[in-house]
Amino acid sequence: METNTEQMTFEQSCEHLMAAIKRISIGLLKLKCHKVFATPEDYVGQHEEMNANIMLAYRRLEEAEMRFRKLLQHAKHPQKKPRPV
């Protein structure tokens, strides 16, 4: 289901996207328990490589969530000092 973020405030849009990231993160971690890991590997280290990539993807989602929190922080409390040129 797609949500029209144009109808939301900036903060609501960020919160909506953060919730989507959280859902994807949970689904990604659930992959670590997938039945494919109970089957024999096609080559040595296959499952280890798959798990490593799951964790790398999870970390990127954590980083994205942190960036949204920073967006919200600056949207709610803009810094008053001018940026250097």
Protein backbone atom coordinates (compact mmCIF):
# COMPACT_ATOMS: atom_id res chain seq x y z
CA MET A 1 0.00 0.00 0.00
CA GLU A 2 1.46 3.32 -1.07
CA THR A 3 0.93 6.41 1.04
CA ASN A 4 0.78 9.89 -0.43
CA THR A 5 3.46 11.71 1.53
CA GLU A 6 2.55 14.99 -0.21
CA GLN A 7 -0.43 15.23 2.16
CA MET A 8 1.84 14.89 5.23
CA THR A 9 4.08 17.32 7.02
CA PHE A 10 7.81 16.89 6.50
CA GLU A 11 8.09 15.29 9.93
CA GLN A 12 5.21 12.88 9.23
CA SER A 13 6.81 11.90 5.91
CA CYS A 14 10.11 11.15 7.68
CA GLU A 15 8.33 9.11 10.37
CA HIS A 16 6.43 7.18 7.69
CA LEU A 17 9.64 6.33 5.83
CA MET A 18 11.43 5.40 9.07
CA ALA A 19 8.60 2.96 9.86
CA ALA A 20 9.03 1.39 6.41
CA ILE A 21 12.78 1.03 7.03
CA LYS A 22 12.04 -0.63 10.39
CA ARG A 23 9.67 -3.14 8.72
CA ILE A 24 12.28 -3.96 6.09
CA SER A 25 14.96 -4.31 8.80
CA ILE A 26 12.85 -6.82 10.71
CA GLY A 27 12.15 -8.79 7.54
CA LEU A 28 15.83 -8.78 6.69
CA LEU A 29 16.80 -10.19 10.09
CA LYS A 30 14.14 -12.88 9.71
CA LEU A 31 16.00 -14.04 6.60
CA LYS A 32 18.80 -15.24 8.89
CA CYS A 33 16.42 -17.97 10.09
CA HIS A 34 15.19 -18.94 6.61
CA LYS A 35 14.99 -22.65 5.85
CA VAL A 36 17.54 -22.22 3.07
CA PHE A 37 20.23 -22.16 5.79
CA ALA A 38 19.20 -25.70 6.82
CA THR A 39 19.98 -27.03 3.35
CA PRO A 40 23.44 -28.03 2.16
CA GLU A 41 25.59 -25.28 0.72
CA ASP A 42 26.22 -25.28 -3.04
CA TYR A 43 29.79 -24.22 -2.30
CA VAL A 44 31.91 -23.78 0.82
CA GLY A 45 31.10 -20.54 2.61
CA GLN A 46 27.84 -19.88 0.75
CA HIS A 47 25.69 -19.49 3.87
CA GLU A 48 28.36 -17.45 5.62
CA GLU A 49 28.49 -15.07 2.65
CA MET A 50 24.70 -14.82 2.57
CA ASN A 51 24.55 -14.02 6.31
CA ALA A 52 27.31 -11.44 5.93
CA ASN A 53 25.36 -9.67 3.21
CA ILE A 54 22.18 -9.75 5.27
CA MET A 55 24.05 -8.01 8.09
CA LEU A 56 25.64 -5.47 5.73
CA ALA A 57 22.21 -4.60 4.33
CA TYR A 58 20.83 -4.34 7.88
CA ARG A 59 23.60 -1.93 8.86
CA ARG A 60 22.83 0.27 5.87
CA LEU A 61 19.19 0.38 6.91
CA GLU A 62 20.25 1.34 10.44
CA GLU A 63 22.32 4.13 8.94
CA ALA A 64 19.39 5.31 6.83
CA GLU A 65 17.18 5.37 9.93
CA MET A 66 19.81 7.43 11.75
CA ARG A 67 19.92 9.90 8.85
CA PHE A 68 16.14 10.31 9.08
CA ARG A 69 16.48 11.01 12.81
CA LYS A 70 19.06 13.69 11.96
CA LEU A 71 16.66 15.14 9.37
CA LEU A 72 13.96 15.34 12.01
CA GLN A 73 16.36 16.86 14.53
CA HIS A 74 17.34 19.64 12.15
CA ALA A 75 13.79 20.17 10.92
CA LYS A 76 12.53 20.63 14.50
CA HIS A 77 15.55 22.55 15.79
CA PRO A 78 17.26 24.40 12.97
CA GLN A 79 20.71 25.69 13.79
CA LYS A 80 20.85 29.45 14.01
CA LYS A 81 24.51 30.00 13.21
CA PRO A 82 25.35 30.70 9.57
CA ARG A 83 27.20 28.12 7.54
CA PRO A 84 30.76 29.03 6.60
CA VAL A 85 31.30 29.92 2.96
